[in-house]
N, C-alpha and C. Protein backbone atom coordinates (compact mmCIF):
# COMPACT_ATOMS: atom_id res chain seq x y z
N MET A 1 151.33 101.18 141.61
CA MET A 1 150.51 102.13 142.31
C MET A 1 149.12 101.55 142.59
N PRO A 2 148.84 101.42 143.76
CA PRO A 2 147.53 100.91 144.10
C PRO A 2 146.45 101.98 143.90
N MET A 3 145.24 101.50 143.50
CA MET A 3 144.12 102.42 143.29
C MET A 3 143.48 102.71 144.64
N ILE A 4 143.10 103.90 144.78
CA ILE A 4 142.43 104.24 146.01
C ILE A 4 140.93 104.15 145.80
N ASN A 5 140.21 104.15 146.88
CA ASN A 5 138.76 103.97 146.81
C ASN A 5 138.09 105.01 145.93
N ALA A 6 138.53 106.22 145.93
CA ALA A 6 137.92 107.29 145.13
C ALA A 6 138.06 106.98 143.64
N GLN A 7 139.21 106.48 143.24
CA GLN A 7 139.42 106.13 141.82
C GLN A 7 138.52 104.97 141.42
N VAL A 8 138.41 103.97 142.28
CA VAL A 8 137.55 102.82 142.00
C VAL A 8 136.10 103.27 141.90
N MET A 9 135.70 104.13 142.81
CA MET A 9 134.33 104.64 142.78
C MET A 9 134.08 105.45 141.51
N THR A 10 135.06 106.24 141.10
CA THR A 10 134.90 107.04 139.89
C THR A 10 134.75 106.13 138.68
N ILE A 11 135.55 105.10 138.60
CA ILE A 11 135.46 104.16 137.47
C ILE A 11 134.12 103.44 137.49
N LEU A 12 133.65 103.03 138.68
CA LEU A 12 132.36 102.36 138.78
C LEU A 12 131.21 103.28 138.38
N VAL A 13 131.27 104.53 138.79
CA VAL A 13 130.22 105.48 138.44
C VAL A 13 130.19 105.70 136.93
N VAL A 14 131.37 105.86 136.33
CA VAL A 14 131.44 106.04 134.87
C VAL A 14 130.93 104.79 134.17
N PHE A 15 131.34 103.63 134.63
CA PHE A 15 130.89 102.38 134.04
C PHE A 15 129.38 102.23 134.15
N LEU A 16 128.82 102.50 135.33
CA LEU A 16 127.38 102.42 135.52
C LEU A 16 126.66 103.44 134.65
N GLY A 17 127.22 104.64 134.52
CA GLY A 17 126.62 105.67 133.66
C GLY A 17 126.57 105.22 132.22
N VAL A 18 127.66 104.64 131.75
CA VAL A 18 127.71 104.14 130.37
C VAL A 18 126.71 103.00 130.19
N MET A 19 126.64 102.09 131.13
CA MET A 19 125.71 100.96 131.02
C MET A 19 124.25 101.45 131.05
N LEU A 20 123.96 102.40 131.93
CA LEU A 20 122.60 102.95 131.97
C LEU A 20 122.28 103.66 130.66
N GLY A 21 123.25 104.37 130.09
CA GLY A 21 123.05 105.03 128.80
C GLY A 21 122.76 104.03 127.69
N ILE A 22 123.48 102.92 127.70
CA ILE A 22 123.27 101.87 126.70
C ILE A 22 121.87 101.27 126.86
N LEU A 23 121.47 100.98 128.10
CA LEU A 23 120.14 100.42 128.34
C LEU A 23 119.05 101.40 127.93
N PHE A 24 119.23 102.69 128.24
CA PHE A 24 118.25 103.70 127.88
C PHE A 24 118.13 103.82 126.36
N ASN A 25 119.27 103.85 125.67
CA ASN A 25 119.24 103.94 124.20
C ASN A 25 118.62 102.70 123.58
N ASN A 26 118.88 101.55 124.16
CA ASN A 26 118.28 100.31 123.66
C ASN A 26 116.77 100.35 123.83
N ALA A 27 116.31 100.85 124.96
CA ALA A 27 114.86 100.96 125.20
C ALA A 27 114.25 101.95 124.21
N ARG A 28 114.93 103.07 123.97
CA ARG A 28 114.42 104.07 123.03
C ARG A 28 114.39 103.49 121.61
N ALA A 29 115.41 102.73 121.23
CA ALA A 29 115.43 102.11 119.91
C ALA A 29 114.30 101.09 119.79
N SER A 30 114.04 100.35 120.85
CA SER A 30 112.94 99.39 120.85
C SER A 30 111.60 100.11 120.72
N ASP A 31 111.43 101.23 121.44
CA ASP A 31 110.20 102.02 121.33
C ASP A 31 110.03 102.57 119.92
N LEU A 32 111.10 103.04 119.34
CA LEU A 32 111.06 103.57 117.97
C LEU A 32 110.70 102.46 116.98
N SER A 33 111.26 101.27 117.19
CA SER A 33 110.94 100.14 116.33
C SER A 33 109.47 99.78 116.42
N LYS A 34 108.92 99.77 117.64
CA LYS A 34 107.50 99.47 117.81
C LYS A 34 106.63 100.55 117.17
N ALA A 35 107.06 101.81 117.29
CA ALA A 35 106.30 102.91 116.69
C ALA A 35 106.27 102.75 115.17
N PHE A 36 107.42 102.40 114.58
CA PHE A 36 107.46 102.19 113.13
C PHE A 36 106.59 101.00 112.72
N GLU A 37 106.64 99.92 113.50
CA GLU A 37 105.81 98.76 113.20
C GLU A 37 104.33 99.13 113.22
N ASN A 38 103.93 99.90 114.22
CA ASN A 38 102.53 100.33 114.31
C ASN A 38 102.15 101.21 113.13
N ARG A 39 103.02 102.15 112.77
CA ARG A 39 102.71 103.03 111.64
C ARG A 39 102.62 102.24 110.34
N PHE A 40 103.56 101.32 110.12
CA PHE A 40 103.52 100.53 108.90
C PHE A 40 102.29 99.62 108.88
N SER A 41 101.91 99.09 110.04
CA SER A 41 100.72 98.26 110.12
C SER A 41 99.48 99.09 109.79
N ASP A 42 99.40 100.31 110.35
CA ASP A 42 98.28 101.20 110.04
C ASP A 42 98.25 101.55 108.56
N LEU A 43 99.41 101.84 108.01
CA LEU A 43 99.50 102.18 106.58
C LEU A 43 99.08 100.99 105.72
N ASN A 44 99.49 99.80 106.11
CA ASN A 44 99.10 98.59 105.38
C ASN A 44 97.59 98.40 105.44
N ASN A 45 97.00 98.62 106.61
CA ASN A 45 95.54 98.51 106.74
C ASN A 45 94.83 99.54 105.88
N ARG A 46 95.36 100.75 105.82
CA ARG A 46 94.75 101.79 105.00
C ARG A 46 94.82 101.42 103.52
N PHE A 47 95.95 100.87 103.10
CA PHE A 47 96.07 100.44 101.70
C PHE A 47 95.10 99.30 101.41
N ASN A 48 94.94 98.37 102.35
CA ASN A 48 93.98 97.28 102.16
C ASN A 48 92.57 97.81 102.04
N ASP A 49 92.21 98.77 102.90
CA ASP A 49 90.88 99.38 102.82
C ASP A 49 90.69 100.10 101.50
N LEU A 50 91.72 100.82 101.06
CA LEU A 50 91.65 101.54 99.79
C LEU A 50 91.50 100.56 98.63
N THR A 51 92.22 99.46 98.68
CA THR A 51 92.13 98.44 97.63
C THR A 51 90.72 97.87 97.58
N LYS A 52 90.14 97.58 98.75
CA LYS A 52 88.77 97.05 98.79
C LYS A 52 87.79 98.06 98.22
N SER A 53 87.99 99.33 98.56
CA SER A 53 87.10 100.38 98.07
C SER A 53 87.19 100.51 96.56
N VAL A 54 88.41 100.49 96.03
CA VAL A 54 88.60 100.59 94.58
C VAL A 54 88.01 99.37 93.89
N ASP A 55 88.22 98.18 94.46
CA ASP A 55 87.64 96.96 93.88
C ASP A 55 86.12 97.03 93.85
N ALA A 56 85.52 97.56 94.93
CA ALA A 56 84.06 97.68 94.98
C ALA A 56 83.57 98.66 93.92
N ARG A 57 84.28 99.77 93.76
CA ARG A 57 83.89 100.75 92.74
C ARG A 57 84.02 100.17 91.33
N ILE A 58 85.07 99.43 91.10
CA ILE A 58 85.25 98.82 89.78
C ILE A 58 84.15 97.80 89.52
N SER A 59 83.79 97.01 90.54
CA SER A 59 82.70 96.04 90.37
C SER A 59 81.39 96.74 90.07
N ASP A 60 81.12 97.84 90.78
CA ASP A 60 79.91 98.61 90.52
C ASP A 60 79.91 99.16 89.10
N SER A 61 81.06 99.67 88.67
CA SER A 61 81.17 100.21 87.31
C SER A 61 80.95 99.11 86.28
N ASN A 62 81.51 97.94 86.53
CA ASN A 62 81.33 96.82 85.60
C ASN A 62 79.87 96.42 85.51
N ARG A 63 79.17 96.36 86.66
CA ARG A 63 77.75 96.03 86.63
C ARG A 63 76.96 97.08 85.86
N HIS A 64 77.30 98.35 86.07
CA HIS A 64 76.61 99.42 85.35
C HIS A 64 76.87 99.32 83.85
N ILE A 65 78.11 99.07 83.48
CA ILE A 65 78.45 98.95 82.06
C ILE A 65 77.74 97.75 81.44
N GLU A 66 77.70 96.63 82.16
CA GLU A 66 77.01 95.45 81.64
C GLU A 66 75.52 95.73 81.44
N GLY A 67 74.92 96.43 82.41
CA GLY A 67 73.51 96.78 82.27
C GLY A 67 73.28 97.70 81.09
N THR A 68 74.15 98.69 80.94
CA THR A 68 74.03 99.62 79.81
C THR A 68 74.23 98.90 78.49
N MET A 69 75.20 98.00 78.45
CA MET A 69 75.44 97.25 77.22
C MET A 69 74.26 96.35 76.88
N ALA A 70 73.64 95.76 77.88
CA ALA A 70 72.45 94.93 77.64
C ALA A 70 71.33 95.79 77.07
N HIS A 71 71.17 97.00 77.61
CA HIS A 71 70.14 97.91 77.09
C HIS A 71 70.44 98.27 75.63
N PHE A 72 71.71 98.61 75.35
CA PHE A 72 72.07 98.95 73.97
C PHE A 72 71.90 97.76 73.03
N GLU A 73 72.20 96.57 73.53
CA GLU A 73 72.05 95.37 72.71
C GLU A 73 70.57 95.16 72.35
N LYS A 74 69.67 95.35 73.33
CA LYS A 74 68.25 95.22 73.05
C LYS A 74 67.79 96.28 72.05
N ALA A 75 68.26 97.52 72.25
CA ALA A 75 67.88 98.60 71.34
C ALA A 75 68.43 98.33 69.94
N LEU A 76 69.66 97.82 69.85
CA LEU A 76 70.25 97.52 68.55
C LEU A 76 69.50 96.38 67.87
N ASP A 77 69.11 95.36 68.64
CA ASP A 77 68.32 94.26 68.07
C ASP A 77 66.99 94.78 67.52
N ALA A 78 66.34 95.66 68.28
CA ALA A 78 65.06 96.22 67.82
C ALA A 78 65.26 97.02 66.53
N GLN A 79 66.31 97.81 66.48
CA GLN A 79 66.58 98.61 65.28
C GLN A 79 66.94 97.71 64.09
N THR A 80 67.68 96.63 64.36
CA THR A 80 68.03 95.69 63.29
C THR A 80 66.77 95.05 62.73
N LYS A 81 65.87 94.64 63.61
CA LYS A 81 64.61 94.04 63.13
C LYS A 81 63.80 95.06 62.34
N ARG A 82 63.79 96.30 62.80
CA ARG A 82 63.06 97.34 62.07
C ARG A 82 63.65 97.55 60.68
N ILE A 83 64.98 97.59 60.61
CA ILE A 83 65.65 97.78 59.31
C ILE A 83 65.38 96.58 58.41
N GLU A 84 65.37 95.37 58.96
CA GLU A 84 65.08 94.18 58.16
C GLU A 84 63.66 94.24 57.61
N ARG A 85 62.69 94.69 58.42
CA ARG A 85 61.32 94.84 57.93
C ARG A 85 61.24 95.89 56.83
N MET A 86 61.95 96.99 57.02
CA MET A 86 61.96 98.03 55.99
C MET A 86 62.59 97.50 54.71
N ASP A 87 63.65 96.72 54.85
CA ASP A 87 64.32 96.14 53.69
C ASP A 87 63.35 95.20 52.93
N GLU A 88 62.63 94.39 53.71
CA GLU A 88 61.66 93.49 53.08
C GLU A 88 60.57 94.28 52.36
N ASN A 89 60.10 95.37 52.99
CA ASN A 89 59.09 96.21 52.34
C ASN A 89 59.61 96.85 51.06
N ILE A 90 60.85 97.34 51.10
CA ILE A 90 61.44 97.96 49.91
C ILE A 90 61.59 96.93 48.80
N LEU A 91 62.07 95.73 49.15
CA LEU A 91 62.21 94.68 48.13
C LEU A 91 60.85 94.29 47.55
N ARG A 92 59.84 94.21 48.39
CA ARG A 92 58.49 93.90 47.92
C ARG A 92 57.98 94.99 46.96
N LEU A 93 58.22 96.26 47.34
CA LEU A 93 57.78 97.36 46.47
C LEU A 93 58.53 97.36 45.14
N ILE A 94 59.82 97.06 45.20
CA ILE A 94 60.61 96.98 43.96
C ILE A 94 60.09 95.85 43.08
N ALA A 95 59.78 94.72 43.70
CA ALA A 95 59.23 93.59 42.94
C ALA A 95 57.89 93.96 42.32
N ASP A 96 57.04 94.67 43.08
CA ASP A 96 55.75 95.12 42.54
C ASP A 96 55.95 96.07 41.36
N HIS A 97 56.88 97.01 41.51
CA HIS A 97 57.15 97.96 40.42
C HIS A 97 57.71 97.23 39.20
N ASP A 98 58.56 96.26 39.45
CA ASP A 98 59.12 95.49 38.33
C ASP A 98 58.02 94.73 37.60
N ALA A 99 57.11 94.15 38.38
CA ALA A 99 56.00 93.42 37.75
C ALA A 99 55.13 94.39 36.95
N ARG A 100 54.86 95.55 37.47
CA ARG A 100 54.05 96.54 36.76
C ARG A 100 54.74 97.00 35.47
N LEU A 101 56.06 97.24 35.59
CA LEU A 101 56.80 97.67 34.39
C LEU A 101 56.77 96.58 33.32
N ARG A 102 56.93 95.35 33.70
CA ARG A 102 56.89 94.25 32.72
C ARG A 102 55.49 94.17 32.09
N SER A 103 54.51 94.34 32.95
CA SER A 103 53.14 94.27 32.42
C SER A 103 52.92 95.43 31.43
N LEU A 104 53.41 96.63 31.76
CA LEU A 104 53.26 97.75 30.83
C LEU A 104 54.05 97.53 29.53
N GLU A 105 55.25 96.94 29.67
CA GLU A 105 56.06 96.67 28.50
C GLU A 105 55.38 95.66 27.57
N LYS A 106 54.70 94.67 28.16
CA LYS A 106 54.02 93.66 27.36
C LYS A 106 52.82 94.27 26.64
N THR A 107 52.10 95.13 27.32
CA THR A 107 50.91 95.73 26.70
C THR A 107 51.31 96.77 25.64
N SER A 108 52.39 97.43 25.81
CA SER A 108 52.77 98.46 24.85
C SER A 108 53.61 97.88 23.72
N GLY A 109 54.13 96.81 23.94
CA GLY A 109 55.03 96.38 22.93
C GLY A 109 54.78 95.20 22.16
């Protein structure tokens, strides 16, 4: 049975419709892929910015802590020197009292 022109035209129209559908879907898939790439790139940039911001905050906190620790170290050194002076004064007073007691013991005894 030979095909008539109408059948050939129908097959060609269906074939062209299918091919156009495939091309359209491929273009849409490509657009979707580009959209995802852009979104992931934006998300990656946002994470990088957030990481830089957190790193800057941590560096600021570290500088603040170091400054505070230096202040406490100076204050602790000053208090240590004060306690050492007080200790020396107490030992001197004890030595004076001991000398006085020995002197009293010698005179009384």
